[in-house]
Amino acid sequence: MDINEKLELIRKNTAEIISEDELRELLSKKKKPTVYCGYEPSGSMHLGNFVTITKLIDLQKAGFNVIVLLADVHGLLNRKGNVDEIAKNVIAWKKTIKAIGLDAKVVLGSSFEFDKDYQLEIMKMAQEVTINRGLRSMQEVARDVENATISQIWYPLMQIEDIKALGCDVSEAGIDQRKIHMLARELVHITNHKPVFVHTPMITSLKGPGTKMSKSIPGSGVNVTDTDEEIKKSINGAYCPEKAVEDNPLLQISKLIIFPRIRKLDIKRPEKFGGDISFKTYEELENVYVQGKLHPMDLKAAVASELIKIIKPIRDNFKK
């Protein structure tokens, strides 16, 4: 795979790359760069996480070493549970990552984040970042941001230092992490580390526009521990406006999660409604949907069927 092919693969289904010129330069200079993505191990993995996982798989195909950070300390700082609850979730997340089949090095945040030099550099950043600037960087990430605690302002500085401590050339994350990453750019004179940022889109909540898919909101998404019937129920009840693409979680799931894993999407329909139809690309699916030639319920049935195929082996392996 040459550099242009690698760039095309990495660019696919991303919201932005900061910057693509820097990524090209990295690929030309380093044969085996390193990328990481961090996850707060709170609750079980959900479909929103699958977007970044899918991009990690693309980056791996493009020749990257992959690190998955299970950010247990970040979860504690962001009020996602107590020490015992988060430790229990770490075990579950390790099982899930193994079940997905991603060949990644899994690192626990607490294994290096209490290092003296690590914390001293965070203190240097803390001396320069105002409380307002730190809070702005967490607006898309913090739980109950209107009542944010000092711990939640410490969080972005740790995330910035994680990238350096793990020796990563690229940081991959959802677009909701963008403000933290822009703060990292402002603090390069302290960290002396300037990674490339690859941002993926967010999936809209199954409840509809206004919020992203979140495991903290009941009915917002689908978890990897959900049964087949629970998946069907969640998808059948999801927001899916007829002919509309914007803020349509069913089309987003199709584009970002399903099509990267299949060669063809088959949709079963009675003859009186047009009969069975197949799509080889997401673009074909979207084109037919916006023309009103595919009913939302038929799309939902196909999406639920494909998600069951994706999630069932992960769920079954998770139980072992």
Protein backbone atom coordinates (compact mmCIF):
# COMPACT_ATOMS: atom_id res chain seq x y z
CA MET A 1 0.00 0.00 0.00
CA ASP A 2 1.57 3.33 -1.05
CA ILE A 3 1.17 6.64 0.80
CA ASN A 4 -1.78 7.82 -1.29
CA GLU A 5 -3.65 4.54 -0.68
CA LYS A 6 -2.95 4.81 3.04
CA LEU A 7 -4.20 8.40 3.10
CA GLU A 8 -7.36 7.45 1.26
CA LEU A 9 -8.07 4.66 3.74
CA ILE A 10 -7.41 6.89 6.76
CA ARG A 11 -9.44 9.76 5.30
CA LYS A 12 -12.51 7.59 4.71
CA ASN A 13 -15.42 8.38 7.07
CA THR A 14 -13.46 10.97 9.04
CA ALA A 15 -14.76 14.38 10.10
CA GLU A 16 -11.32 16.00 9.81
CA ILE A 17 -7.59 15.36 9.99
CA ILE A 18 -5.32 17.92 11.66
CA SER A 19 -3.44 18.11 9.51
CA GLU A 20 -3.39 15.98 6.39
CA ASP A 21 -0.06 17.49 5.30
CA GLU A 22 1.47 16.44 8.62
CA LEU A 23 -0.02 12.96 8.23
CA ARG A 24 1.48 12.63 4.77
CA GLU A 25 4.87 13.72 6.09
CA LEU A 26 4.60 11.19 8.95
CA LEU A 27 3.79 8.35 6.56
CA SER A 28 6.73 9.29 4.35
CA LYS A 29 9.20 9.34 7.24
CA LYS A 30 8.03 6.52 9.51
CA LYS A 31 7.35 2.97 8.36
CA LYS A 32 5.38 1.94 11.48
CA PRO A 33 3.85 4.95 13.26
CA THR A 34 1.77 4.63 16.42
CA VAL A 35 -1.85 5.66 16.94
CA TYR A 36 -3.89 5.60 20.11
CA CYS A 37 -7.50 6.07 21.11
CA GLY A 38 -8.64 6.40 24.70
CA TYR A 39 -11.88 5.19 26.26
CA GLU A 40 -13.33 5.82 29.70
CA PRO A 41 -14.23 2.31 30.92
CA SER A 42 -17.69 3.18 32.20
CA GLY A 43 -20.58 0.87 31.36
CA SER A 44 -20.29 -1.38 28.32
CA MET A 45 -19.04 -0.44 24.86
CA HIS A 46 -21.76 0.95 22.56
CA LEU A 47 -22.19 1.68 18.87
CA GLY A 48 -20.71 5.16 19.20
CA ASN A 49 -17.43 3.54 20.26
CA PHE A 50 -17.53 1.32 17.18
CA VAL A 51 -16.89 4.36 14.96
CA THR A 52 -13.47 5.00 16.49
CA ILE A 53 -12.75 1.25 16.72
CA THR A 54 -13.50 0.93 13.00
CA LYS A 55 -11.09 3.77 12.22
CA LEU A 56 -8.40 2.13 14.37
CA ILE A 57 -8.80 -0.98 12.20
CA ASP A 58 -8.29 1.22 9.11
CA LEU A 59 -5.17 2.75 10.63
CA GLN A 60 -3.87 -0.71 11.45
CA LYS A 61 -4.36 -1.73 7.81
CA ALA A 62 -2.43 1.41 6.86
CA GLY A 63 0.55 0.14 8.83
CA PHE A 64 0.07 1.70 12.27
CA ASN A 65 0.80 0.17 15.65
CA VAL A 66 -2.41 0.58 17.67
CA ILE A 67 -2.70 1.41 21.38
CA VAL A 68 -6.03 1.41 23.19
CA LEU A 69 -5.93 3.39 26.41
CA LEU A 70 -8.44 2.35 29.05
CA ALA A 71 -8.59 5.67 30.84
CA ASP A 72 -9.55 4.56 34.33
CA VAL A 73 -8.17 7.67 36.04
CA HIS A 74 -9.96 9.92 33.54
CA GLY A 75 -13.19 8.08 34.27
CA LEU A 76 -12.72 8.79 37.97
CA LEU A 77 -11.96 12.47 37.33
CA ASN A 78 -14.99 12.76 35.03
CA ARG A 79 -17.29 11.31 37.69
CA LYS A 80 -18.03 8.10 35.79
CA GLY A 81 -17.89 5.89 38.89
CA ASN A 82 -15.83 5.06 41.96
CA VAL A 83 -12.55 3.13 41.95
CA ASP A 84 -14.17 -0.29 42.38
CA GLU A 85 -16.83 0.31 39.72
CA ILE A 86 -14.28 1.49 37.17
CA ALA A 87 -11.94 -1.43 37.93
CA LYS A 88 -14.81 -3.83 37.24
CA ASN A 89 -15.54 -2.05 33.95
CA VAL A 90 -11.87 -2.28 32.93
CA ILE A 91 -12.13 -6.09 33.01
CA ALA A 92 -15.26 -5.98 30.84
CA TRP A 93 -13.68 -3.59 28.33
CA LYS A 94 -10.57 -5.75 27.98
CA LYS A 95 -12.82 -8.72 27.15
CA THR A 96 -14.76 -6.65 24.62
CA ILE A 97 -11.66 -5.36 22.82
CA LYS A 98 -10.31 -8.90 22.58
CA ALA A 99 -13.67 -10.14 21.27
CA ILE A 100 -13.79 -7.44 18.56
CA GLY A 101 -10.56 -8.78 17.13
CA LEU A 102 -8.61 -5.52 17.11
CA ASP A 103 -4.91 -6.33 17.42
CA ALA A 104 -4.08 -3.53 19.83
CA LYS A 105 -1.85 -3.02 22.82
CA VAL A 106 -4.23 -2.27 25.72
CA VAL A 107 -2.80 0.12 28.32
CA LEU A 108 -4.36 1.13 31.63
CA GLY A 109 -4.10 4.84 32.41
CA SER A 110 -3.24 4.24 36.07
CA SER A 111 -0.19 2.22 34.97
CA PHE A 112 1.74 5.40 34.07
CA GLU A 113 -0.30 8.51 34.92
CA PHE A 114 0.99 8.79 38.51
CA ASP A 115 4.58 9.05 37.34
CA LYS A 116 6.36 12.10 38.81
CA ASP A 117 7.57 13.52 35.48
CA TYR A 118 4.13 13.00 33.95
CA GLN A 119 2.44 14.98 36.71
CA LEU A 120 5.11 17.70 36.76
CA GLU A 121 4.50 18.42 33.08
CA ILE A 122 0.74 18.61 33.71
CA MET A 123 1.43 21.14 36.46
CA LYS A 124 3.44 23.23 33.97
CA MET A 125 0.45 23.19 31.60
CA ALA A 126 -1.92 24.01 34.47
CA GLN A 127 0.07 27.18 35.18
CA GLU A 128 -0.69 28.46 31.68
CA VAL A 129 -4.27 27.29 31.07
CA THR A 130 -7.02 29.43 32.58
CA ILE A 131 -9.98 27.79 34.27
CA ASN A 132 -12.28 29.12 31.53
CA ARG A 133 -10.05 27.72 28.77
CA GLY A 134 -9.84 24.34 30.49
CA LEU A 135 -13.60 24.25 30.94
CA ARG A 136 -14.23 25.14 27.28
CA SER A 137 -12.07 22.23 26.20
CA MET A 138 -14.32 19.85 28.16
CA GLN A 139 -17.71 21.17 27.00
CA GLU A 140 -18.40 18.18 24.75
CA VAL A 141 -16.90 15.59 27.08
CA ALA A 142 -17.61 16.45 30.71
CA ARG A 143 -20.50 14.97 32.62
CA ASP A 144 -22.77 17.71 34.03
CA VAL A 145 -20.53 20.44 32.59
CA GLU A 146 -22.67 23.19 34.14
CA ASN A 147 -21.47 21.98 37.53
CA ALA A 148 -17.97 20.93 36.48
CA THR A 149 -15.46 20.15 39.19
CA ILE A 150 -11.75 21.00 39.22
CA SER A 151 -11.05 17.32 38.50
CA GLN A 152 -12.80 17.68 35.16
CA ILE A 153 -10.50 20.57 34.21
CA TRP A 154 -7.45 18.47 35.15
CA TYR A 155 -8.75 15.80 32.76
CA PRO A 156 -7.85 17.49 29.42
CA LEU A 157 -4.30 18.20 30.56
CA MET A 158 -3.85 14.51 31.36
CA GLN A 159 -5.27 13.56 27.98
CA ILE A 160 -2.73 15.82 26.30
CA GLU A 161 0.13 14.31 28.29
CA ASP A 162 -1.10 10.76 27.59
CA ILE A 163 -0.34 11.19 23.89
CA LYS A 164 3.27 12.09 24.67
CA ALA A 165 3.71 9.47 27.40
CA LEU A 166 2.48 6.71 25.09
CA GLY A 167 4.80 7.88 22.31
CA CYS A 168 1.97 8.34 19.83
CA ASP A 169 2.32 9.96 16.42
CA VAL A 170 -1.45 10.10 15.90
CA SER A 171 -4.35 10.55 18.29
CA GLU A 172 -7.66 9.22 16.98
CA ALA A 173 -10.96 10.21 18.60
CA GLY A 174 -14.48 11.39 18.01
CA ILE A 175 -14.94 14.99 16.90
CA ASP A 176 -16.21 15.77 20.43
CA GLN A 177 -12.54 15.65 21.53
CA ARG A 178 -11.54 18.46 19.15
CA LYS A 179 -11.37 21.25 21.74
CA ILE A 180 -9.02 19.23 23.92
CA HIS A 181 -6.81 18.53 20.92
CA MET A 182 -6.72 22.21 19.98
CA LEU A 183 -5.58 22.94 23.51
CA ALA A 184 -2.81 20.39 22.95
CA ARG A 185 -1.69 22.41 19.92
CA GLU A 186 -1.50 25.53 22.09
CA LEU A 187 0.70 23.74 24.60
CA VAL A 188 3.27 22.20 22.24
CA HIS A 189 5.91 24.59 23.62
CA ILE A 190 5.57 22.75 26.95
CA THR A 191 5.10 19.16 25.78
CA ASN A 192 7.44 19.35 22.77
CA HIS A 193 5.11 16.84 21.15
CA LYS A 194 2.90 17.61 18.15
CA PRO A 195 0.76 14.64 17.07
CA VAL A 196 -1.63 14.39 14.14
CA PHE A 197 -5.31 14.30 15.11
CA VAL A 198 -7.80 12.09 13.27
CA HIS A 199 -11.40 12.90 14.19
CA THR A 200 -14.38 10.70 13.39
CA PRO A 201 -18.05 11.81 13.24
CA MET A 202 -20.45 11.30 16.13
CA ILE A 203 -23.57 9.16 15.81
CA THR A 204 -26.80 10.94 16.73
CA SER A 205 -28.76 9.51 19.65
CA LEU A 206 -31.41 6.98 18.63
CA LYS A 207 -33.81 9.32 20.43
CA GLY A 208 -33.21 12.01 17.82
CA PRO A 209 -31.28 15.24 17.16
CA GLY A 210 -29.76 17.33 19.90
CA THR A 211 -27.51 14.79 21.56
CA LYS A 212 -24.90 12.24 20.53
CA MET A 213 -25.28 8.54 21.21
CA SER A 214 -24.44 7.98 24.87
CA LYS A 215 -24.48 5.01 27.21
CA SER A 216 -25.52 7.34 30.06
CA ILE A 217 -28.86 8.09 28.36
CA PRO A 218 -31.31 5.13 28.34
CA GLY A 219 -32.51 4.31 24.83
CA SER A 220 -29.82 6.46 23.22
CA GLY A 221 -27.83 3.61 21.70
CA VAL A 222 -27.08 -0.09 21.44
CA ASN A 223 -24.57 -1.82 23.72
CA VAL A 224 -22.44 -4.85 22.85
CA THR A 225 -24.06 -6.71 25.74
CA ASP A 226 -27.59 -6.23 24.35
CA THR A 227 -29.55 -9.31 23.28
CA ASP A 228 -30.82 -9.75 19.72
CA GLU A 229 -34.30 -8.76 20.86
CA GLU A 230 -33.02 -5.67 22.66
CA ILE A 231 -31.14 -4.61 19.52
CA LYS A 232 -34.27 -5.03 17.39
CA LYS A 233 -36.37 -3.08 19.90
CA SER A 234 -33.86 -0.21 20.09
CA ILE A 235 -33.49 0.08 16.32
CA ASN A 236 -37.23 -0.26 15.59
CA GLY A 237 -37.96 2.56 18.01
CA ALA A 238 -35.16 4.81 16.75
CA TYR A 239 -35.53 8.23 15.18
CA CYS A 240 -35.36 7.78 11.39
CA PRO A 241 -37.05 10.58 9.42
CA GLU A 242 -38.25 9.60 5.96
CA LYS A 243 -36.05 10.86 3.07
CA ALA A 244 -33.76 12.73 5.52
CA VAL A 245 -30.01 12.23 5.87
CA GLU A 246 -29.10 14.91 8.42
CA ASP A 247 -29.15 13.70 12.04
CA ASN A 248 -30.42 10.29 10.93
CA PRO A 249 -28.73 7.74 13.23
CA LEU A 250 -29.80 4.77 11.08
CA LEU A 251 -27.98 6.13 8.03
CA GLN A 252 -24.99 7.09 10.19
CA ILE A 253 -24.79 3.55 11.58
CA SER A 254 -25.04 2.19 8.04
CA LYS A 255 -22.22 4.40 6.79
CA LEU A 256 -19.81 4.32 9.73
CA ILE A 257 -20.29 0.82 11.16
CA ILE A 258 -22.08 -1.54 8.78
CA PHE A 259 -20.72 -0.81 5.30
CA PRO A 260 -17.05 -0.91 6.40
CA ARG A 261 -17.71 -4.54 7.42
CA ILE A 262 -19.78 -5.87 4.51
CA ARG A 263 -19.63 -6.10 0.73
CA LYS A 264 -23.36 -5.77 0.20
CA LEU A 265 -26.42 -4.75 2.22
CA ASP A 266 -29.48 -6.84 1.42
CA ILE A 267 -32.90 -5.46 2.35
CA LYS A 268 -35.86 -7.82 2.32
CA ARG A 269 -39.22 -6.37 1.25
CA PRO A 270 -42.57 -7.78 0.10
CA GLU A 271 -43.13 -7.59 -3.67
CA LYS A 272 -45.95 -5.06 -3.18
CA PHE A 273 -43.38 -2.66 -1.67
CA GLY A 274 -40.80 -3.12 -4.41
CA GLY A 275 -39.31 -6.50 -3.50
CA ASP A 276 -35.83 -7.23 -2.19
CA ILE A 277 -33.11 -4.67 -2.91
CA SER A 278 -29.32 -4.69 -2.44
CA PHE A 279 -26.71 -1.96 -2.07
CA LYS A 280 -22.98 -2.35 -2.65
CA THR A 281 -22.09 1.08 -1.24
CA TYR A 282 -23.46 3.47 1.34
CA GLU A 283 -23.81 6.13 -1.35
CA GLU A 284 -26.25 3.90 -3.26
CA LEU A 285 -28.28 3.39 -0.09
CA GLU A 286 -28.42 7.09 0.72
CA ASN A 287 -29.43 8.01 -2.83
CA VAL A 288 -32.38 5.60 -2.81
CA TYR A 289 -33.42 6.62 0.71
CA VAL A 290 -33.55 10.37 0.01
CA GLN A 291 -35.71 9.69 -3.03
CA GLY A 292 -38.25 8.03 -0.78
CA LYS A 293 -37.80 4.66 -2.49
CA LEU A 294 -36.83 2.96 0.77
CA HIS A 295 -39.13 3.08 3.79
CA PRO A 296 -37.57 3.77 7.22
CA MET A 297 -38.96 0.51 8.64
CA ASP A 298 -37.25 -1.51 5.88
CA LEU A 299 -33.99 0.29 6.62
CA LYS A 300 -34.43 -0.37 10.34
CA ALA A 301 -35.00 -4.09 9.78
CA ALA A 302 -31.82 -4.36 7.68
CA VAL A 303 -29.73 -2.34 10.14
CA ALA A 304 -30.95 -4.41 13.10
CA SER A 305 -30.13 -7.63 11.22
CA GLU A 306 -26.59 -6.48 10.40
CA LEU A 307 -25.94 -5.19 13.92
CA ILE A 308 -26.97 -8.53 15.36
CA LYS A 309 -24.41 -10.21 13.08
CA ILE A 310 -21.72 -7.79 14.27
CA ILE A 311 -22.57 -7.77 17.98
CA LYS A 312 -23.60 -11.40 18.66
CA PRO A 313 -20.10 -12.95 18.37
CA ILE A 314 -18.67 -10.11 20.48
CA ARG A 315 -21.38 -10.58 23.12
CA ASP A 316 -20.93 -14.35 23.13
CA ASN A 317 -17.14 -14.10 23.41
CA PHE A 318 -17.51 -11.47 26.13
CA LYS A 319 -19.35 -14.00 28.31
CA LYS A 320 -16.49 -16.53 28.22
